[in-house]
Amino acid sequence: MIASTSSPFAIHDASPEMAGGARVLQVAFACHPDHSMESRNGWRRATHAARRHRVTLIYGDSTPVELLQRRAEEEGVGDRLELVPVQAGVIGKRWLRSATTYYAGLRLWHRSAYAVAKQLHAAEPFDLVHQTTFCGYREPGYCWKLGVPFVWGPVGGTHAFPARFLGQLSCPRTLWIELCRNAINAWQLRFSRHVRHAAKQSAVLLSATRAAQADLRQALGVDSTVCLETAIDGPIAEPRDARPAGEPVRILWAGRLRAWKTLPLLLRALARMPAEFRYELRVMGVGACEPKWRELAERLGIAQHIQWIGWPAYAETYEQYRWADAFAFTSMRDTSGTGLLESLASGTPIVAVNHQGAADIVNASCGLLVPVTGPEACINAFAEHLLRLYNDKPLWKRLSDGALAQAERHTWEDQADALLGWYERALHAQTAPATAIKLPKASGSPTTRSNPAGRGTTQPPASPRTVQIQSTV
């Protein structure tokens, strides 16, 4: 429901007469060129689509429209990308601040986004809709109802926390949270009508991993194309030399310091190392588990080897990956993991758990995989693999060169080509719903955006053009 509050959205269209290509609507709750992985994904997909098509991007975070327009112009698509920020209303903002009510708040935002999309579609119909972020399957939005070919994904978040590792969680509360999440995930993926309708209406459905592809097929009976939800942002490094003789091996771990990341698996592995194994560990990230994990490192007698460096600005994180001789990935539930790609781009060999997205990214050419058969086997394998990298410099060099080669397969340029191919497929698939929804007639000139609820004010074109849109949800 759209009504009068103080929350505006602005529409910036640098060129009202955009020509060539299809008219594409993208919906990305998160969108920023430099912030989180989800935000960067939303931005990249918009600018890549705008290379060939006329893209309208509805996004939901607080990124200033002027910043995005400037970046679009720098990337050569400023005249083909229309930016439509839609902010959550009072209730939605409140719910988005709590983990318990987050997805309810996200759904309210999607309702507002859909109201805006319907008005834009009535004024000038879209040829295709793409729901890009968030990656998680739980909230596909409502724009699949517009009656044009719908692309959804890449979709992830279908995986459960492995039951064999629940005992590694640090407290009863986190154990309860993961048990509840596993149960909710199993139910929602199979029985959510909202998710099922969006999946069935998709002309192209993209799964972020092979595991997600299998989950979607089993739960919903739908086929999907596997495409990693993210790609490498920065430059790919030059080939590296092994560390000098006598130097400690430098290990990097990166991610949110939250229970499901299971950093203690690595800490316990390091505590089992022989005395001659010299190492430094940098933990890059912040989160609620940091005090307990610091305490665990003290109890294990390894605290003197660890630097807790927090979370630097994104542009500075590459320095950490290039510092490292090995990247350790311990997460028990992650669709993929940006750190894996940044390690590849830095020529840093990876030691990672062999499941979910990590199993799609890491292979024998660039890393050593750890079985997820149980905690003891996992801890021992981490220790053995790190010791191999410490002692076997030819192995390290082979994996480092292999990481750089693997990085070339995960660039955003490759993703851009794939994205345009998906759109061609969707536009020619003839799989859109047979009957489109009835839309209200547009009022005003084609270059004027009116209030989707029929209330508030409509302003004449400006640069950027703005209207006051307010949400009660």
Protein backbone atom coordinates (compact mmCIF):
# COMPACT_ATOMS: atom_id res chain seq x y z
CA MET A 1 0.00 0.00 0.00
CA ILE A 2 1.51 3.35 -1.01
CA ALA A 3 0.47 6.42 0.93
CA SER A 4 1.80 9.72 2.23
CA THR A 5 4.87 9.53 4.52
CA SER A 6 8.25 11.15 4.44
CA SER A 7 10.04 8.42 2.46
CA PRO A 8 10.80 9.54 -1.11
CA PHE A 9 12.17 7.76 -4.09
CA ALA A 10 13.89 9.42 -7.00
CA ILE A 11 13.95 8.45 -10.64
CA HIS A 12 17.01 9.40 -12.62
CA ASP A 13 16.91 8.94 -16.37
CA ALA A 14 19.88 10.53 -18.06
CA SER A 15 18.39 9.93 -21.49
CA PRO A 16 14.58 9.79 -21.82
CA GLU A 17 14.94 8.58 -25.40
CA MET A 18 16.94 5.43 -24.71
CA ALA A 19 16.97 3.35 -27.89
CA GLY A 20 17.88 -0.21 -28.78
CA GLY A 21 17.49 -3.48 -26.95
CA ALA A 22 14.63 -4.77 -24.84
CA ARG A 23 13.06 -2.82 -21.99
CA VAL A 24 14.19 -4.69 -18.89
CA LEU A 25 13.11 -4.28 -15.28
CA GLN A 26 15.57 -5.45 -12.64
CA VAL A 27 14.66 -5.64 -8.95
CA ALA A 28 17.59 -5.59 -6.54
CA PHE A 29 16.89 -4.89 -2.89
CA ALA A 30 20.65 -4.53 -2.35
CA CYS A 31 22.61 -2.44 -4.86
CA HIS A 32 25.94 -0.66 -4.44
CA PRO A 33 29.16 -0.87 -6.50
CA ASP A 34 31.47 -1.33 -3.50
CA HIS A 35 29.62 -2.60 -0.43
CA SER A 36 28.50 -6.15 0.39
CA MET A 37 28.62 -9.08 -2.01
CA GLU A 38 24.85 -8.89 -2.50
CA SER A 39 25.02 -5.15 -3.23
CA ARG A 40 27.83 -5.56 -5.73
CA ASN A 41 25.93 -8.38 -7.44
CA GLY A 42 22.87 -6.17 -7.86
CA TRP A 43 24.92 -3.38 -9.35
CA ARG A 44 26.96 -5.56 -11.70
CA ARG A 45 23.93 -7.27 -13.18
CA ALA A 46 22.27 -3.93 -13.85
CA THR A 47 25.24 -2.39 -15.63
CA HIS A 48 25.93 -5.54 -17.63
CA ALA A 49 22.34 -5.78 -18.83
CA ALA A 50 22.45 -2.09 -19.79
CA ARG A 51 25.21 -2.79 -22.30
CA ARG A 52 22.59 -4.22 -24.65
CA HIS A 53 19.19 -3.37 -23.15
CA ARG A 54 17.31 -0.43 -21.67
CA VAL A 55 17.28 -1.21 -17.96
CA THR A 56 15.10 0.18 -15.19
CA LEU A 57 16.53 -0.76 -11.80
CA ILE A 58 14.31 -0.73 -8.70
CA TYR A 59 16.52 -0.98 -5.64
CA GLY A 60 15.92 -0.80 -1.93
CA ASP A 61 18.96 0.22 0.08
CA SER A 62 19.98 3.78 0.89
CA THR A 63 22.59 4.19 -1.85
CA PRO A 64 22.31 7.75 -3.24
CA VAL A 65 20.98 7.82 -6.79
CA GLU A 66 23.64 10.38 -7.72
CA LEU A 67 26.42 7.96 -6.77
CA LEU A 68 24.94 5.18 -8.90
CA GLN A 69 24.33 7.48 -11.86
CA ARG A 70 27.92 8.72 -11.71
CA ARG A 71 29.22 5.17 -11.65
CA ALA A 72 26.92 4.18 -14.51
CA GLU A 73 28.26 7.04 -16.60
CA GLU A 74 31.84 5.99 -15.79
CA GLU A 75 30.97 2.49 -17.02
CA GLY A 76 29.44 3.84 -20.22
CA VAL A 77 25.80 2.92 -19.52
CA GLY A 78 24.51 6.13 -17.95
CA ASP A 79 22.08 6.72 -20.82
CA ARG A 80 20.67 3.17 -20.67
CA LEU A 81 20.08 2.74 -16.95
CA GLU A 82 17.09 4.27 -15.15
CA LEU A 83 17.43 4.24 -11.36
CA VAL A 84 14.35 3.92 -9.14
CA PRO A 85 15.13 3.85 -5.40
CA VAL A 86 12.17 2.58 -3.36
CA GLN A 87 12.51 2.81 0.41
CA ALA A 88 10.71 0.70 2.97
CA GLY A 89 8.01 2.38 5.02
CA VAL A 90 8.01 2.87 8.78
CA ILE A 91 6.90 -0.67 9.64
CA GLY A 92 9.13 -2.25 7.01
CA LYS A 93 12.20 -0.39 8.24
CA ARG A 94 11.49 -1.47 11.80
CA TRP A 95 11.12 -5.11 10.80
CA LEU A 96 14.23 -5.03 8.62
CA ARG A 97 16.30 -4.09 11.68
CA SER A 98 15.53 -7.38 13.44
CA ALA A 99 16.74 -10.82 12.37
CA THR A 100 13.47 -12.30 13.62
CA THR A 101 11.26 -10.13 11.41
CA TYR A 102 13.73 -9.40 8.62
CA TYR A 103 12.04 -11.41 5.89
CA ALA A 104 8.63 -10.01 6.80
CA GLY A 105 10.10 -6.53 6.33
CA LEU A 106 11.68 -7.58 3.06
CA ARG A 107 8.32 -8.82 1.80
CA LEU A 108 6.73 -5.48 2.64
CA TRP A 109 9.44 -3.74 0.63
CA HIS A 110 8.75 -6.03 -2.32
CA ARG A 111 5.07 -5.07 -2.19
CA SER A 112 6.06 -1.42 -2.49
CA ALA A 113 8.48 -2.26 -5.30
CA TYR A 114 5.73 -4.14 -7.13
CA ALA A 115 3.35 -1.19 -6.84
CA VAL A 116 5.99 1.03 -8.43
CA ALA A 117 6.75 -1.59 -11.10
CA LYS A 118 3.07 -1.83 -12.10
CA GLN A 119 2.88 1.92 -12.64
CA LEU A 120 6.07 1.97 -14.72
CA HIS A 121 4.84 -1.02 -16.71
CA ALA A 122 1.53 0.72 -17.40
CA ALA A 123 3.31 3.83 -18.68
CA GLU A 124 5.75 1.91 -20.90
CA PRO A 125 5.58 -1.89 -20.83
CA PHE A 126 8.61 -3.95 -19.93
CA ASP A 127 9.73 -6.83 -22.13
CA LEU A 128 11.40 -8.80 -19.32
CA VAL A 129 11.75 -8.78 -15.52
CA HIS A 130 14.77 -10.02 -13.56
CA GLN A 131 14.76 -10.49 -9.77
CA THR A 132 18.45 -10.28 -8.83
CA THR A 133 19.03 -9.67 -5.12
CA PHE A 134 18.83 -11.04 -2.57
CA CYS A 135 20.18 -14.38 -3.69
CA GLY A 136 18.18 -16.30 -1.08
CA TYR A 137 15.15 -18.17 -2.40
CA ARG A 138 12.76 -17.08 0.37
CA GLU A 139 11.66 -13.80 -1.16
CA PRO A 140 11.28 -13.72 -4.96
CA GLY A 141 9.18 -10.55 -4.86
CA TYR A 142 6.01 -10.03 -6.90
CA CYS A 143 7.16 -8.72 -10.26
CA TRP A 144 6.75 -12.16 -11.82
CA LYS A 145 3.06 -11.19 -11.85
CA LEU A 146 3.60 -8.49 -14.48
CA GLY A 147 2.87 -10.95 -17.27
CA VAL A 148 6.20 -10.73 -19.10
CA PRO A 149 9.09 -13.23 -19.17
CA PHE A 150 10.58 -13.53 -15.69
CA VAL A 151 14.20 -14.35 -14.84
CA TRP A 152 14.93 -15.28 -11.22
CA GLY A 153 18.33 -15.72 -9.75
CA PRO A 154 20.89 -16.93 -9.28
CA VAL A 155 19.02 -18.45 -6.33
CA GLY A 156 20.70 -19.94 -3.26
CA GLY A 157 20.14 -20.32 0.46
CA THR A 158 18.51 -23.74 0.09
CA HIS A 159 21.12 -25.66 2.06
CA ALA A 160 20.93 -26.79 5.68
CA PHE A 161 23.55 -26.77 8.41
CA PRO A 162 25.02 -30.32 8.41
CA ALA A 163 23.56 -32.22 11.35
CA ARG A 164 26.90 -33.92 12.07
CA PHE A 165 28.43 -30.53 12.91
CA LEU A 166 25.73 -29.15 15.19
CA GLY A 167 27.86 -30.09 18.18
CA GLN A 168 30.48 -27.57 17.03
CA LEU A 169 28.17 -24.65 17.75
CA SER A 170 29.28 -22.58 20.69
CA CYS A 171 26.11 -22.32 22.78
CA PRO A 172 22.58 -23.77 23.10
CA ARG A 173 21.06 -20.65 21.53
CA THR A 174 23.02 -20.98 18.27
CA LEU A 175 22.25 -24.70 18.20
CA TRP A 176 18.54 -23.92 18.53
CA ILE A 177 18.74 -21.27 15.80
CA GLU A 178 20.34 -23.67 13.33
CA LEU A 179 17.89 -26.45 14.14
CA CYS A 180 14.98 -24.07 13.59
CA ARG A 181 16.50 -22.76 10.37
CA ASN A 182 16.97 -26.28 9.05
CA ALA A 183 13.34 -27.11 9.79
CA ILE A 184 11.98 -23.84 8.36
CA ASN A 185 14.16 -24.21 5.27
CA ALA A 186 12.90 -27.73 4.61
CA TRP A 187 9.27 -26.64 5.00
CA GLN A 188 9.40 -23.31 3.18
CA LEU A 189 11.27 -24.57 0.13
CA ARG A 190 8.68 -27.31 -0.37
CA PHE A 191 5.45 -25.66 0.68
CA SER A 192 5.71 -21.88 0.20
CA ARG A 193 3.16 -21.02 -2.50
CA HIS A 194 4.93 -17.70 -3.05
CA VAL A 195 8.22 -19.44 -3.86
CA ARG A 196 6.54 -22.17 -5.92
CA HIS A 197 4.58 -19.69 -8.05
CA ALA A 198 7.69 -17.60 -8.77
CA ALA A 199 9.71 -20.68 -9.71
CA LYS A 200 6.99 -22.07 -11.96
CA GLN A 201 6.49 -18.69 -13.67
CA SER A 202 10.20 -18.26 -14.41
CA ALA A 203 11.18 -18.29 -18.07
CA VAL A 204 14.75 -18.72 -16.82
CA LEU A 205 15.52 -19.96 -13.31
CA LEU A 206 19.15 -19.75 -12.19
CA SER A 207 20.60 -21.71 -9.29
CA ALA A 208 23.75 -20.44 -7.61
CA THR A 209 25.27 -23.89 -7.01
CA ARG A 210 24.83 -27.49 -8.05
CA ALA A 211 23.52 -28.18 -4.56
CA ALA A 212 20.86 -25.47 -4.95
CA GLN A 213 19.98 -26.86 -8.38
CA ALA A 214 19.37 -30.29 -6.84
CA ASP A 215 17.35 -28.79 -3.97
CA LEU A 216 15.11 -26.82 -6.35
CA ARG A 217 14.53 -29.85 -8.53
CA GLN A 218 13.71 -32.10 -5.59
CA ALA A 219 11.48 -29.63 -3.73
CA LEU A 220 9.73 -27.84 -6.59
CA GLY A 221 10.17 -30.10 -9.59
CA VAL A 222 11.77 -27.32 -11.64
CA ASP A 223 14.88 -27.29 -13.80
CA SER A 224 17.43 -24.53 -13.43
CA THR A 225 20.74 -23.43 -14.87
CA VAL A 226 23.73 -23.31 -12.53
CA CYS A 227 25.50 -19.96 -12.36
CA LEU A 228 27.50 -18.73 -9.39
CA GLU A 229 25.73 -15.75 -7.86
CA THR A 230 28.87 -13.61 -7.75
CA ALA A 231 32.16 -13.12 -9.55
CA ILE A 232 35.58 -11.55 -9.18
CA ASP A 233 35.50 -7.77 -8.77
CA GLY A 234 39.17 -6.84 -8.66
CA PRO A 235 42.11 -7.49 -10.97
CA ILE A 236 43.71 -10.93 -11.18
CA ALA A 237 47.21 -10.95 -9.69
CA GLU A 238 50.47 -11.85 -11.39
CA PRO A 239 52.00 -15.29 -10.67
CA ARG A 240 53.50 -15.55 -7.20
CA ASP A 241 56.56 -17.17 -5.70
CA ALA A 242 56.47 -19.45 -2.69
CA ARG A 243 57.37 -17.95 0.67
CA PRO A 244 61.09 -17.73 1.48
CA ALA A 245 62.65 -20.64 3.34
CA GLY A 246 62.28 -20.39 7.10
CA GLU A 247 59.34 -17.99 6.98
CA PRO A 248 56.08 -18.94 8.72
CA VAL A 249 53.14 -19.87 6.53
CA ARG A 250 50.56 -17.09 6.46
CA ILE A 251 46.94 -18.24 6.74
CA LEU A 252 43.89 -16.06 6.16
CA TRP A 253 40.34 -16.75 7.33
CA ALA A 254 37.62 -14.28 6.32
CA GLY A 255 33.92 -13.91 7.00
CA ARG A 256 31.37 -12.86 9.55
CA LEU A 257 32.25 -14.09 13.01
CA ARG A 258 29.01 -16.01 13.36
CA ALA A 259 28.38 -19.54 14.56
CA TRP A 260 27.68 -21.15 11.17
CA LYS A 261 31.12 -20.08 9.89
CA THR A 262 32.69 -22.59 12.37
CA LEU A 263 36.10 -20.97 12.68
CA PRO A 264 36.80 -23.29 15.68
CA LEU A 265 37.38 -26.13 13.20
CA LEU A 266 40.46 -24.28 11.96
CA LEU A 267 41.55 -23.22 15.45
CA ARG A 268 41.46 -26.83 16.66
CA ALA A 269 43.36 -27.96 13.58
CA LEU A 270 46.12 -25.44 14.25
CA ALA A 271 46.32 -26.56 17.87
CA ARG A 272 47.20 -30.08 16.64
CA MET A 273 50.13 -28.97 14.50
CA PRO A 274 53.65 -30.21 15.28
CA ALA A 275 56.03 -27.78 16.93
CA GLU A 276 58.02 -27.22 13.72
CA PHE A 277 54.94 -25.85 11.94
CA ARG A 278 55.40 -22.08 12.02
CA TYR A 279 52.40 -19.98 11.08
CA GLU A 280 50.52 -16.72 11.36
CA LEU A 281 46.73 -16.56 11.17
CA ARG A 282 44.76 -13.45 10.32
CA VAL A 283 41.04 -13.50 11.07
CA MET A 284 39.31 -10.89 8.92
CA GLY A 285 35.77 -10.14 10.00
CA VAL A 286 33.53 -8.98 12.81
CA GLY A 287 30.65 -10.59 14.63
CA ALA A 288 29.07 -11.81 17.83
CA CYS A 289 31.28 -14.90 18.18
CA GLU A 290 34.57 -13.02 18.37
CA PRO A 291 34.87 -12.98 22.21
CA LYS A 292 34.17 -16.72 22.51
CA TRP A 293 36.51 -17.59 19.68
CA ARG A 294 39.28 -15.44 21.14
CA GLU A 295 38.76 -17.26 24.42
CA LEU A 296 38.95 -20.62 22.63
CA ALA A 297 42.25 -19.61 21.00
CA GLU A 298 43.62 -18.77 24.44
CA ARG A 299 42.53 -22.15 25.83
CA LEU A 300 44.09 -23.96 22.88
CA GLY A 301 47.38 -22.12 23.39
CA ILE A 302 47.50 -20.56 19.92
CA ALA A 303 46.38 -16.97 20.61
CA GLN A 304 49.90 -15.61 20.08
CA HIS A 305 49.76 -16.67 16.42
CA ILE A 306 46.48 -14.90 15.62
CA GLN A 307 45.69 -11.34 14.54
CA TRP A 308 42.04 -10.29 14.66
CA ILE A 309 42.02 -7.53 12.06
CA GLY A 310 38.33 -6.65 11.86
CA TRP A 311 36.67 -5.81 8.56
CA PRO A 312 38.58 -3.32 6.40
CA ALA A 313 37.04 -1.38 3.52
CA TYR A 314 36.31 -3.68 0.61
CA ALA A 315 39.06 -2.22 -1.60
CA GLU A 316 41.60 -3.03 1.13
CA THR A 317 40.66 -6.68 1.53
CA TYR A 318 42.64 -7.78 -1.52
CA GLU A 319 45.85 -6.86 0.31
CA GLN A 320 45.00 -9.49 2.89
CA TYR A 321 44.44 -12.23 0.30
CA ARG A 322 47.74 -11.38 -1.36
CA TRP A 323 49.45 -11.44 2.03
CA ALA A 324 48.27 -14.99 2.63
CA ASP A 325 49.97 -18.22 1.59
CA ALA A 326 46.74 -20.13 2.20
CA PHE A 327 43.06 -19.30 2.59
CA ALA A 328 41.02 -21.46 4.96
CA PHE A 329 37.28 -21.77 4.38
CA THR A 330 35.35 -23.52 7.15
CA SER A 331 31.73 -22.40 6.68
CA MET A 332 29.05 -25.01 7.27
CA ARG A 333 26.43 -23.11 5.28
CA ASP A 334 27.23 -20.62 2.56
CA THR A 335 25.90 -20.42 -0.94
CA SER A 336 29.41 -19.69 -2.17
CA GLY A 337 31.73 -17.31 -0.36
CA THR A 338 33.32 -14.20 -1.82
CA GLY A 339 36.58 -15.02 -0.07
CA LEU A 340 37.03 -18.07 -2.26
CA LEU A 341 36.96 -15.98 -5.43
CA GLU A 342 39.21 -13.29 -3.99
CA SER A 343 41.70 -15.97 -3.02
CA LEU A 344 41.70 -17.32 -6.57
CA ALA A 345 42.26 -13.83 -7.96
CA SER A 346 45.20 -13.39 -5.58
CA GLY A 347 46.84 -16.71 -6.47
CA THR A 348 46.30 -17.98 -2.93
CA PRO A 349 45.80 -21.76 -2.56
CA ILE A 350 42.60 -22.69 -0.74
CA VAL A 351 41.87 -25.27 1.94
CA ALA A 352 38.08 -25.55 2.05
CA VAL A 353 35.23 -27.75 3.17
CA ASN A 354 34.00 -29.88 0.28
CA HIS A 355 30.32 -28.98 0.07
CA GLN A 356 27.80 -26.40 -1.15
CA GLY A 357 29.28 -23.57 -3.24
CA ALA A 358 32.86 -24.25 -2.22
CA ALA A 359 32.68 -27.59 -4.00
CA ASP A 360 31.76 -25.76 -7.23
CA ILE A 361 34.58 -23.22 -6.98
CA VAL A 362 37.53 -25.19 -5.58
CA ASN A 363 39.06 -28.20 -7.31
CA ALA A 364 42.36 -30.06 -7.28
CA SER A 365 43.97 -27.44 -9.53
CA CYS A 366 43.69 -24.62 -7.00
CA GLY A 367 43.09 -26.06 -3.54
CA LEU A 368 42.75 -28.94 -1.14
CA LEU A 369 39.27 -30.06 -0.13
CA VAL A 370 38.25 -31.18 3.34
CA PRO A 371 35.58 -33.88 3.77
CA VAL A 372 32.41 -32.90 5.63
CA THR A 373 31.91 -36.37 7.09
CA GLY A 374 32.28 -35.32 10.72
CA PRO A 375 34.12 -32.84 12.96
CA GLU A 376 37.15 -35.02 13.77
CA ALA A 377 37.79 -35.97 10.16
CA CYS A 378 37.33 -32.34 9.14
CA ILE A 379 39.74 -30.98 11.76
CA ASN A 380 42.37 -33.60 10.94
CA ALA A 381 42.09 -32.90 7.21
CA PHE A 382 42.55 -29.16 7.74
CA ALA A 383 45.70 -29.89 9.75
CA GLU A 384 47.06 -32.35 7.16
CA HIS A 385 46.41 -30.07 4.20
CA LEU A 386 47.96 -27.01 5.83
CA LEU A 387 51.01 -29.07 6.77
CA ARG A 388 51.33 -30.23 3.15
CA LEU A 389 51.28 -26.64 1.92
CA TYR A 390 53.89 -25.76 4.55
CA ASN A 391 56.29 -28.52 3.54
CA ASP A 392 55.68 -28.95 -0.19
CA LYS A 393 56.57 -25.76 -2.05
CA PRO A 394 56.15 -27.27 -5.55
CA LEU A 395 52.60 -28.22 -4.53
CA TRP A 396 52.00 -24.70 -3.24
CA LYS A 397 53.28 -23.19 -6.51
CA ARG A 398 51.13 -25.51 -8.63
CA LEU A 399 48.02 -24.63 -6.63
CA SER A 400 48.84 -20.91 -6.72
CA ASP A 401 49.16 -20.92 -10.51
CA GLY A 402 46.02 -23.05 -10.70
CA ALA A 403 44.14 -20.51 -8.59
CA LEU A 404 44.96 -17.75 -11.08
CA ALA A 405 43.81 -19.95 -13.96
CA GLN A 406 40.59 -20.80 -12.13
CA ALA A 407 40.02 -17.10 -11.43
CA GLU A 408 39.85 -16.44 -15.17
CA ARG A 409 36.72 -18.63 -15.28
CA HIS A 410 34.92 -16.53 -12.67
CA THR A 411 35.16 -12.96 -13.94
CA TRP A 412 32.28 -10.55 -14.22
CA GLU A 413 32.93 -10.33 -17.96
CA ASP A 414 32.02 -14.00 -18.28
CA GLN A 415 28.94 -13.36 -16.15
CA ALA A 416 27.96 -10.45 -18.42
CA ASP A 417 27.99 -12.70 -21.48
CA ALA A 418 25.95 -15.31 -19.62
CA LEU A 419 23.43 -12.70 -18.44
CA LEU A 420 22.76 -11.47 -21.96
CA GLY A 421 22.36 -15.07 -23.09
CA TRP A 422 19.75 -15.74 -20.36
CA TYR A 423 17.80 -12.71 -21.48
CA GLU A 424 17.80 -13.85 -25.10
CA ARG A 425 16.58 -17.24 -23.94
CA ALA A 426 13.82 -15.74 -21.80
CA LEU A 427 12.68 -13.32 -24.48
CA HIS A 428 12.29 -16.14 -26.99
CA ALA A 429 11.01 -18.82 -24.62
CA GLN A 430 7.35 -17.77 -24.82
CA THR A 431 6.88 -18.92 -21.22
CA ALA A 432 5.30 -15.80 -19.79
CA PRO A 433 1.83 -16.19 -18.20
CA ALA A 434 -0.95 -16.39 -20.77
CA THR A 435 -2.94 -13.59 -19.15
CA ALA A 436 -1.24 -10.46 -17.90
CA ILE A 437 -2.60 -8.57 -14.93
CA LYS A 438 -4.83 -5.60 -15.61
CA LEU A 439 -2.97 -2.37 -15.10
CA PRO A 440 -4.28 1.15 -14.61
CA LYS A 441 -3.92 3.63 -17.44
CA ALA A 442 -0.92 5.89 -17.15
CA SER A 443 -1.55 9.56 -16.57
CA GLY A 444 0.60 12.47 -17.60
CA SER A 445 3.35 12.60 -20.20
CA PRO A 446 5.63 9.60 -20.91
CA THR A 447 8.50 11.30 -19.08
CA THR A 448 6.55 11.92 -15.89
CA ARG A 449 6.38 9.31 -13.14
CA SER A 450 3.12 9.48 -11.18
CA ASN A 451 2.43 8.13 -7.72
CA PRO A 452 1.74 4.37 -8.02
CA ALA A 453 -1.09 4.64 -5.51
CA GLY A 454 -2.70 7.63 -7.16
CA ARG A 455 -1.79 9.87 -4.23
CA GLY A 456 0.94 12.38 -3.48
CA THR A 457 2.57 14.61 -6.06
CA THR A 458 3.88 14.26 -9.58
CA GLN A 459 6.65 16.58 -10.64
CA PRO A 460 7.77 17.57 -14.14
CA PRO A 461 10.99 16.10 -15.52
CA ALA A 462 14.23 17.32 -13.99
CA SER A 463 17.75 15.98 -13.76
CA PRO A 464 17.39 13.80 -11.80
CA ARG A 465 13.59 13.54 -11.91
CA THR A 466 12.06 13.01 -8.49
CA VAL A 467 8.67 12.21 -7.08
CA GLN A 468 7.60 11.80 -3.51
CA ILE A 469 6.49 8.20 -2.95
CA GLN A 470 5.65 7.11 0.53
CA SER A 471 4.92 3.76 1.98
CA THR A 472 2.85 2.85 4.98
CA VAL A 473 4.45 -0.60 5.20
